[in-house]
Amino acid sequence: MSKIKKSVLVVAVLVTVFMVSGYSKITLTDKKVETIKAANQTINMFVTHGHCSTPFAGKVNDLKVEYPTRLDLGNPLEDMVISFEVDPNSFNVCRAKELTPRIKTPGLFISEKNEKITFTSTNVYTMGLDWYQVNGKMAIKGVEKDVKLFVTGIRKPNEQIATTLVLDGQVNLFDWGIDYDLIVNGKSSEVSTKWLYLNMKIELV
């Protein structure tokens, strides 16, 4: 008889654990997924040149940010998915329009097929409150490489979720076989330019 009671007790405990666990998951996130599609979005970039840099901006197409609705006070965007594409033909050099043709040099970011620069996140790591490492695939001239970017969320004290995101990072142009100095100036530098920095502000409202 005691064995039966113990078995019933064990079953009851397991059922309770499963119910509580399931309830906790339901209360943390909702099944509803928020999808943000931004219009008239731009991205800021610059290529280093040792002691100076060339800053330019480009038009972003098809920017999407998806994330599940969170019902607690935890990191609301830890399961977000980000994707966007940038048209290199839209590049304009800031404060020096005469340099725009240089950043549009054929073979640099623009190929014969005019492929867009694309990014799609693959996974997100929470670094802290409203601070995320976003790993993903970036394609330049149709060649796809793994990259690591960072996203910072900005929210007001009374908000439960960030209403603004700042995405930034740097990628090595050599990963795509791009020698900036050779393509633009016709000669490789002793200390070759290789870093492309990018920064984009995203409004989630």
Protein backbone atom coordinates (compact mmCIF):
# COMPACT_ATOMS: atom_id res chain seq x y z
CA MET A 1 0.00 0.00 0.00
CA SER A 2 2.85 2.36 0.88
CA LYS A 3 4.43 1.72 -2.52
CA ILE A 4 1.20 2.73 -4.23
CA LYS A 5 1.04 5.93 -2.19
CA LYS A 6 4.64 6.74 -3.03
CA SER A 7 4.02 6.13 -6.73
CA VAL A 8 0.95 8.36 -6.68
CA LEU A 9 2.93 11.05 -4.86
CA VAL A 10 5.78 10.89 -7.40
CA VAL A 11 3.32 11.15 -10.30
CA ALA A 12 1.59 14.10 -8.66
CA VAL A 13 4.91 15.88 -8.15
CA LEU A 14 5.95 15.31 -11.78
CA VAL A 15 2.60 16.57 -13.07
CA THR A 16 2.92 19.68 -10.91
CA VAL A 17 6.46 20.33 -12.17
CA PHE A 18 5.37 20.02 -15.81
CA MET A 19 2.39 22.31 -15.24
CA VAL A 20 4.49 24.96 -13.50
CA SER A 21 7.17 24.71 -16.17
CA GLY A 22 4.63 25.08 -18.94
CA TYR A 23 2.98 28.01 -17.18
CA SER A 24 6.34 29.73 -16.75
CA LYS A 25 7.11 29.45 -20.45
CA ILE A 26 3.70 30.81 -21.35
CA THR A 27 4.10 33.78 -19.05
CA LEU A 28 7.57 34.65 -20.37
CA THR A 29 6.72 35.04 -24.02
CA ASP A 30 3.60 35.19 -26.10
CA LYS A 31 3.20 33.40 -29.42
CA LYS A 32 2.57 36.72 -31.15
CA VAL A 33 5.54 37.88 -33.21
CA GLU A 34 6.08 41.57 -33.84
CA THR A 35 7.42 42.39 -37.30
CA ILE A 36 8.94 45.79 -38.02
CA LYS A 37 9.40 46.85 -41.63
CA ALA A 38 11.16 50.19 -41.85
CA ALA A 39 10.84 52.56 -44.80
CA ASN A 40 13.29 55.28 -45.87
CA GLN A 41 16.01 53.61 -43.83
CA THR A 42 19.68 54.45 -44.28
CA ILE A 43 22.90 52.88 -43.05
CA ASN A 44 26.15 54.72 -42.30
CA MET A 45 29.48 53.14 -43.27
CA PHE A 46 33.10 54.15 -43.49
CA VAL A 47 36.30 52.60 -44.76
CA THR A 48 39.52 53.32 -42.88
CA HIS A 49 42.59 54.75 -44.61
CA GLY A 50 45.18 54.64 -41.85
CA HIS A 51 45.11 58.26 -40.66
CA CYS A 52 41.74 59.09 -42.26
CA SER A 53 38.51 57.47 -43.45
CA THR A 54 35.83 57.76 -46.11
CA PRO A 55 32.34 57.96 -44.56
CA PHE A 56 29.37 57.22 -46.77
CA ALA A 57 25.69 56.31 -46.47
CA GLY A 58 23.46 53.93 -48.38
CA LYS A 59 19.80 53.19 -48.84
CA VAL A 60 18.48 50.16 -46.94
CA ASN A 61 15.79 48.03 -48.54
CA ASP A 62 13.57 45.39 -46.99
CA LEU A 63 14.66 45.94 -43.37
CA LYS A 64 12.84 43.51 -41.07
CA VAL A 65 13.05 43.03 -37.30
CA GLU A 66 11.00 40.21 -35.82
CA TYR A 67 10.68 39.33 -32.14
CA PRO A 68 8.14 37.53 -29.91
CA THR A 69 6.04 39.58 -27.52
CA ARG A 70 7.54 39.28 -24.04
CA LEU A 71 5.30 39.28 -20.97
CA ASP A 72 7.94 39.68 -18.25
CA LEU A 73 10.72 42.23 -17.62
CA GLY A 74 13.50 40.15 -19.17
CA ASN A 75 15.45 40.93 -22.34
CA PRO A 76 12.59 41.33 -24.81
CA LEU A 77 14.66 41.07 -27.98
CA GLU A 78 16.85 38.06 -27.21
CA ASP A 79 14.99 36.00 -29.84
CA MET A 80 14.89 38.70 -32.50
CA VAL A 81 15.62 38.11 -36.17
CA ILE A 82 17.11 40.92 -38.28
CA SER A 83 17.50 41.07 -42.04
CA PHE A 84 18.15 43.86 -44.53
CA GLU A 85 19.75 44.66 -47.86
CA VAL A 86 21.73 47.69 -49.01
CA ASP A 87 22.00 48.93 -52.59
CA PRO A 88 25.65 49.92 -53.29
CA ASN A 89 24.45 52.06 -56.19
CA SER A 90 22.83 54.35 -53.61
CA PHE A 91 26.12 55.11 -51.80
CA ASN A 92 26.94 58.78 -51.25
CA VAL A 93 30.06 60.04 -49.53
CA CYS A 94 29.24 62.40 -46.68
CA ARG A 95 30.62 65.96 -46.82
CA ALA A 96 32.63 65.19 -49.97
CA LYS A 97 30.32 64.41 -52.86
CA GLU A 98 33.26 64.41 -55.27
CA LEU A 99 34.46 61.17 -53.63
CA THR A 100 31.19 59.34 -54.31
CA PRO A 101 32.45 57.92 -57.65
CA ARG A 102 35.43 56.48 -55.77
CA ILE A 103 33.25 54.48 -53.37
CA LYS A 104 31.26 53.33 -56.41
CA THR A 105 34.35 52.07 -58.23
CA PRO A 106 33.38 48.91 -60.16
CA GLY A 107 34.58 45.80 -58.36
CA LEU A 108 34.66 47.43 -54.93
CA PHE A 109 31.09 46.96 -53.72
CA ILE A 110 29.39 46.97 -57.12
CA SER A 111 29.82 43.97 -59.39
CA GLU A 112 28.68 43.28 -62.93
CA LYS A 113 25.47 41.68 -61.60
CA ASN A 114 24.71 44.61 -59.23
CA GLU A 115 24.04 42.35 -56.26
CA LYS A 116 22.80 43.99 -53.08
CA ILE A 117 24.73 43.82 -49.81
CA THR A 118 22.56 41.58 -47.64
CA PHE A 119 22.50 40.54 -43.99
CA THR A 120 20.41 37.89 -42.25
CA SER A 121 20.87 37.04 -38.58
CA THR A 122 21.36 33.39 -37.63
CA ASN A 123 21.50 33.60 -33.83
CA VAL A 124 21.51 36.19 -31.06
CA TYR A 125 23.41 36.19 -27.76
CA THR A 126 22.32 38.39 -24.86
CA MET A 127 25.32 40.34 -23.56
CA GLY A 128 23.38 42.36 -20.99
CA LEU A 129 20.18 44.32 -20.63
CA ASP A 130 19.29 45.62 -24.10
CA TRP A 131 22.70 44.57 -25.40
CA TYR A 132 23.03 41.78 -27.95
CA GLN A 133 25.60 40.09 -30.14
CA VAL A 134 23.99 39.27 -33.48
CA ASN A 135 25.68 36.66 -35.64
CA GLY A 136 24.63 36.31 -39.23
CA LYS A 137 25.40 35.94 -42.91
CA MET A 138 26.49 38.96 -44.93
CA ALA A 139 26.80 38.87 -48.71
CA ILE A 140 28.86 41.37 -50.71
CA LYS A 141 28.92 41.04 -54.51
CA GLY A 142 27.05 37.76 -54.08
CA VAL A 143 29.68 36.20 -51.77
CA GLU A 144 28.32 35.21 -48.36
CA LYS A 145 30.44 35.25 -45.18
CA ASP A 146 29.82 34.84 -41.44
CA VAL A 147 29.89 38.14 -39.55
CA LYS A 148 29.32 39.34 -36.00
CA LEU A 149 27.45 42.57 -35.26
CA PHE A 150 26.17 44.19 -32.07
CA VAL A 151 22.79 45.67 -31.24
CA THR A 152 22.04 48.08 -28.40
CA GLY A 153 18.46 48.77 -27.38
CA ILE A 154 17.41 52.21 -26.18
CA ARG A 155 14.26 52.64 -24.10
CA LYS A 156 12.79 55.19 -21.74
CA PRO A 157 12.52 54.39 -18.01
CA ASN A 158 8.79 53.67 -18.26
CA GLU A 159 9.08 51.40 -21.32
CA GLN A 160 9.22 47.61 -21.12
CA ILE A 161 10.85 47.24 -24.51
CA ALA A 162 13.39 49.24 -26.47
CA THR A 163 11.84 51.52 -29.07
CA THR A 164 15.15 52.22 -30.79
CA LEU A 165 17.95 49.88 -31.82
CA VAL A 166 21.49 50.81 -32.77
CA LEU A 167 23.21 48.19 -34.90
CA ASP A 168 26.95 48.49 -35.40
CA GLY A 169 30.03 46.45 -36.18
CA GLN A 170 33.00 46.03 -38.47
CA VAL A 171 33.80 43.50 -41.17
CA ASN A 172 37.09 42.60 -42.82
CA LEU A 173 36.94 43.36 -46.55
CA PHE A 174 39.75 40.86 -47.14
CA ASP A 175 37.24 38.12 -46.25
CA TRP A 176 35.59 38.94 -49.58
CA GLY A 177 38.91 39.34 -51.39
CA ILE A 178 38.39 43.11 -51.56
CA ASP A 179 41.61 45.16 -51.58
CA TYR A 180 40.23 48.70 -51.32
CA ASP A 181 43.51 50.43 -52.17
CA LEU A 182 44.16 48.24 -55.21
CA ILE A 183 40.64 48.63 -56.60
CA VAL A 184 40.26 52.37 -55.94
CA ASN A 185 43.83 53.64 -56.28
CA GLY A 186 45.33 50.96 -58.52
CA LYS A 187 48.01 50.00 -55.98
CA SER A 188 47.97 48.02 -52.75
CA SER A 189 49.12 49.93 -49.69
CA GLU A 190 51.84 48.63 -47.38
CA VAL A 191 49.23 48.78 -44.62
CA SER A 192 46.22 47.78 -46.67
CA THR A 193 42.78 49.14 -45.98
CA LYS A 194 40.63 46.25 -44.83
CA TRP A 195 37.98 47.38 -42.34
CA LEU A 196 34.46 48.38 -43.26
CA TYR A 197 32.53 49.86 -40.32
CA LEU A 198 28.77 50.12 -40.30
CA ASN A 199 26.18 51.75 -38.10
CA MET A 200 22.39 51.90 -38.38
CA LYS A 201 19.67 53.35 -36.16
CA ILE A 202 16.39 51.43 -36.26
CA GLU A 203 13.13 52.78 -34.88
CA LEU A 204 10.79 50.03 -33.67
CA VAL A 205 7.77 52.30 -33.32
